[in-house]
C-alpha atoms as a PDB file:
ATOM      1  CA  MET A   1     -38.992  -6.249 -48.704  1.00  0.00           C
ATOM      2  CA  VAL A   2     -38.299  -7.889 -45.363  1.00  0.00           C
ATOM      3  CA  SER A   3     -37.588  -6.030 -42.154  1.00  0.00           C
ATOM      4  CA  VAL A   4     -36.799  -7.359 -38.684  1.00  0.00           C
ATOM      5  CA  ASP A   5     -38.944  -4.540 -37.302  1.00  0.00           C
ATOM      6  CA  ASP A   6     -42.449  -5.272 -36.071  1.00  0.00           C
ATOM      7  CA  LEU A   7     -45.619  -4.629 -38.070  1.00  0.00           C
ATOM      8  CA  GLU A   8     -46.291  -1.268 -36.390  1.00  0.00           C
ATOM      9  CA  LEU A   9     -42.874   0.167 -37.301  1.00  0.00           C
ATOM     10  CA  ASN A  10     -43.056  -1.236 -40.843  1.00  0.00           C
ATOM     11  CA  THR A  11     -46.513   0.272 -41.361  1.00  0.00           C
ATOM     12  CA  LYS A  12     -45.258   3.660 -40.135  1.00  0.00           C
ATOM     13  CA  PHE A  13     -42.210   3.435 -42.431  1.00  0.00           C
ATOM     14  CA  ALA A  14     -44.387   2.507 -45.430  1.00  0.00           C
ATOM     15  CA  LYS A  15     -46.725   5.446 -44.835  1.00  0.00           C
ATOM     16  CA  GLU A  16     -43.895   7.946 -44.308  1.00  0.00           C
ATOM     17  CA  HIS A  17     -42.174   6.879 -47.525  1.00  0.00           C
ATOM     18  CA  GLU A  18     -45.355   6.228 -49.527  1.00  0.00           C
ATOM     19  CA  ALA A  19     -44.188   2.671 -50.243  1.00  0.00           C
ATOM     20  CA  ASP A  20     -46.288   0.944 -52.902  1.00  0.00           C
ATOM     21  CA  PHE A  21     -44.929  -2.521 -52.125  1.00  0.00           C
ATOM     22  CA  PRO A  22     -45.428  -4.922 -49.224  1.00  0.00           C
ATOM     23  CA  ILE A  23     -43.011  -5.105 -46.294  1.00  0.00           C
ATOM     24  CA  LEU A  24     -42.795  -8.393 -44.419  1.00  0.00           C
ATOM     25  CA  ALA A  25     -42.442  -7.871 -40.672  1.00  0.00           C
ATOM     26  CA  ASP A  26     -39.941 -10.454 -39.390  1.00  0.00           C
ATOM     27  CA  PRO A  27     -39.348  -9.522 -35.722  1.00  0.00           C
ATOM     28  CA  GLU A  28     -38.556 -13.164 -34.872  1.00  0.00           C
ATOM     29  CA  LYS A  29     -35.872 -12.985 -37.612  1.00  0.00           C
ATOM     30  CA  THR A  30     -36.953 -16.298 -39.146  1.00  0.00           C
ATOM     31  CA  VAL A  31     -36.788 -15.114 -42.759  1.00  0.00           C
ATOM     32  CA  ALA A  32     -33.617 -13.073 -42.196  1.00  0.00           C
ATOM     33  CA  ASN A  33     -31.902 -16.166 -40.787  1.00  0.00           C
ATOM     34  CA  ALA A  34     -33.177 -18.389 -43.605  1.00  0.00           C
ATOM     35  CA  TYR A  35     -31.717 -16.036 -46.243  1.00  0.00           C
ATOM     36  CA  GLY A  36     -28.464 -15.513 -44.326  1.00  0.00           C
ATOM     37  CA  VAL A  37     -28.832 -11.754 -44.062  1.00  0.00           C
ATOM     38  CA  LEU A  38     -28.863 -11.343 -40.291  1.00  0.00           C
ATOM     39  CA  GLY A  39     -25.829  -9.342 -39.215  1.00  0.00           C
ATOM     40  CA  PRO A  40     -23.977  -9.662 -35.912  1.00  0.00           C
ATOM     41  CA  SER A  41     -25.872  -6.647 -34.538  1.00  0.00           C
ATOM     42  CA  GLY A  42     -29.197  -8.444 -35.062  1.00  0.00           C
ATOM     43  CA  LEU A  43     -30.211  -6.228 -37.984  1.00  0.00           C
ATOM     44  CA  ALA A  44     -30.803  -7.496 -41.504  1.00  0.00           C
ATOM     45  CA  ARG A  45     -28.247  -6.576 -44.154  1.00  0.00           C
ATOM     46  CA  ARG A  46     -29.661  -4.620 -47.112  1.00  0.00           C
ATOM     47  CA  TRP A  47     -29.268  -7.284 -49.745  1.00  0.00           C
ATOM     48  CA  THR A  48     -31.533  -7.640 -52.777  1.00  0.00           C
ATOM     49  CA  PHE A  49     -32.542 -11.117 -53.921  1.00  0.00           C
ATOM     50  CA  TYR A  50     -33.801 -11.541 -57.481  1.00  0.00           C
ATOM     51  CA  ILE A  51     -36.025 -14.606 -57.520  1.00  0.00           C
ATOM     52  CA  GLY A  52     -37.338 -16.209 -60.702  1.00  0.00           C
ATOM     53  CA  GLY A  53     -40.875 -17.396 -61.298  1.00  0.00           C
ATOM     54  CA  ASP A  54     -39.753 -20.921 -60.418  1.00  0.00           C
ATOM     55  CA  GLY A  55     -38.621 -19.762 -56.954  1.00  0.00           C
ATOM     56  CA  LYS A  56     -34.893 -20.062 -57.693  1.00  0.00           C
ATOM     57  CA  ILE A  57     -32.579 -17.238 -56.701  1.00  0.00           C
ATOM     58  CA  LEU A  58     -31.178 -15.680 -59.872  1.00  0.00           C
ATOM     59  CA  TYR A  59     -28.889 -13.107 -58.321  1.00  0.00           C
ATOM     60  CA  ILE A  60     -28.023 -11.598 -54.937  1.00  0.00           C
ATOM     61  CA  GLU A  61     -26.931  -7.963 -54.759  1.00  0.00           C
ATOM     62  CA  LYS A  62     -24.906  -7.568 -51.575  1.00  0.00           C
ATOM     63  CA  LYS A  63     -23.803  -3.963 -52.115  1.00  0.00           C
ATOM     64  CA  VAL A  64     -27.033  -1.968 -52.108  1.00  0.00           C
ATOM     65  CA  ALA A  65     -26.632   1.808 -52.300  1.00  0.00           C
ATOM     66  CA  PRO A  66     -29.829   3.399 -50.945  1.00  0.00           C
ATOM     67  CA  ALA A  67     -29.369   6.540 -53.090  1.00  0.00           C
ATOM     68  CA  THR A  68     -29.393   4.548 -56.349  1.00  0.00           C
ATOM     69  CA  ALA A  69     -31.243   1.399 -55.281  1.00  0.00           C
ATOM     70  CA  GLY A  70     -34.279   2.001 -57.526  1.00  0.00           C
ATOM     71  CA  ASP A  71     -32.217   2.623 -60.652  1.00  0.00           C
ATOM     72  CA  ASP A  72     -29.903  -0.275 -59.803  1.00  0.00           C
ATOM     73  CA  LEU A  73     -32.887  -2.591 -59.346  1.00  0.00           C
ATOM     74  CA  ALA A  74     -34.398  -1.572 -62.686  1.00  0.00           C
ATOM     75  CA  ALA A  75     -31.058  -2.074 -64.447  1.00  0.00           C
ATOM     76  CA  LYS A  76     -30.587  -5.559 -62.957  1.00  0.00           C
ATOM     77  CA  LEU A  77     -34.143  -6.562 -63.915  1.00  0.00           C
ATOM     78  CA  GLY A  78     -33.426  -5.389 -67.462  1.00  0.00           C
ATOM     79  CA  GLU A  79     -30.209  -7.410 -67.516  1.00  0.00           C
ATOM     80  CA  LEU A  80     -31.999 -10.537 -66.272  1.00  0.00           C
ATOM     81  CA  ALA A  81     -34.721 -10.039 -68.884  1.00  0.00           C
ATOM     82  CA  ASP A  82     -32.112  -9.594 -71.632  1.00  0.00           C
ATOM     83  CA  LYS A  83     -30.630 -12.962 -70.589  1.00  0.00           C
ATOM     84  CA  GLY A  84     -34.091 -14.551 -70.769  1.00  0.00           C
ATOM     85  CA  LEU A  85     -34.129 -15.323 -67.052  1.00  0.00           C
ATOM     86  CA  ILE A  86     -37.269 -13.273 -66.399  1.00  0.00           C
ATOM     87  CA  LYS A  87     -40.048 -11.952 -68.601  1.00  0.00           C
ATOM     88  CA  ARG A  88     -40.632  -8.284 -69.276  1.00  0.00           C
ATOM     89  CA  LYS A  89     -44.084  -6.923 -68.560  1.00  0.00           C
ATOM     90  CA  LYS A  90     -45.772  -5.523 -71.655  1.00  0.00           C
END
């Protein structure tokens, strides 16, 4: 996950939500610009990038629904695995 917030805000967010994944602090918006997700307001759009082991982008989800994001993510990973684009963990 990438956020244009600073490290302090990201750390607070992670603790409040018991996040078990890393959050990249990108206050200079370098990564957000590189991936084309910076909106006109200066905030990053909530897009999900599925990146293969070779570093190539396999799919970009541009309509992320926070309420179902976890289930949607799991379903897309299953779909990509079914197509042989990623490996399933055993």
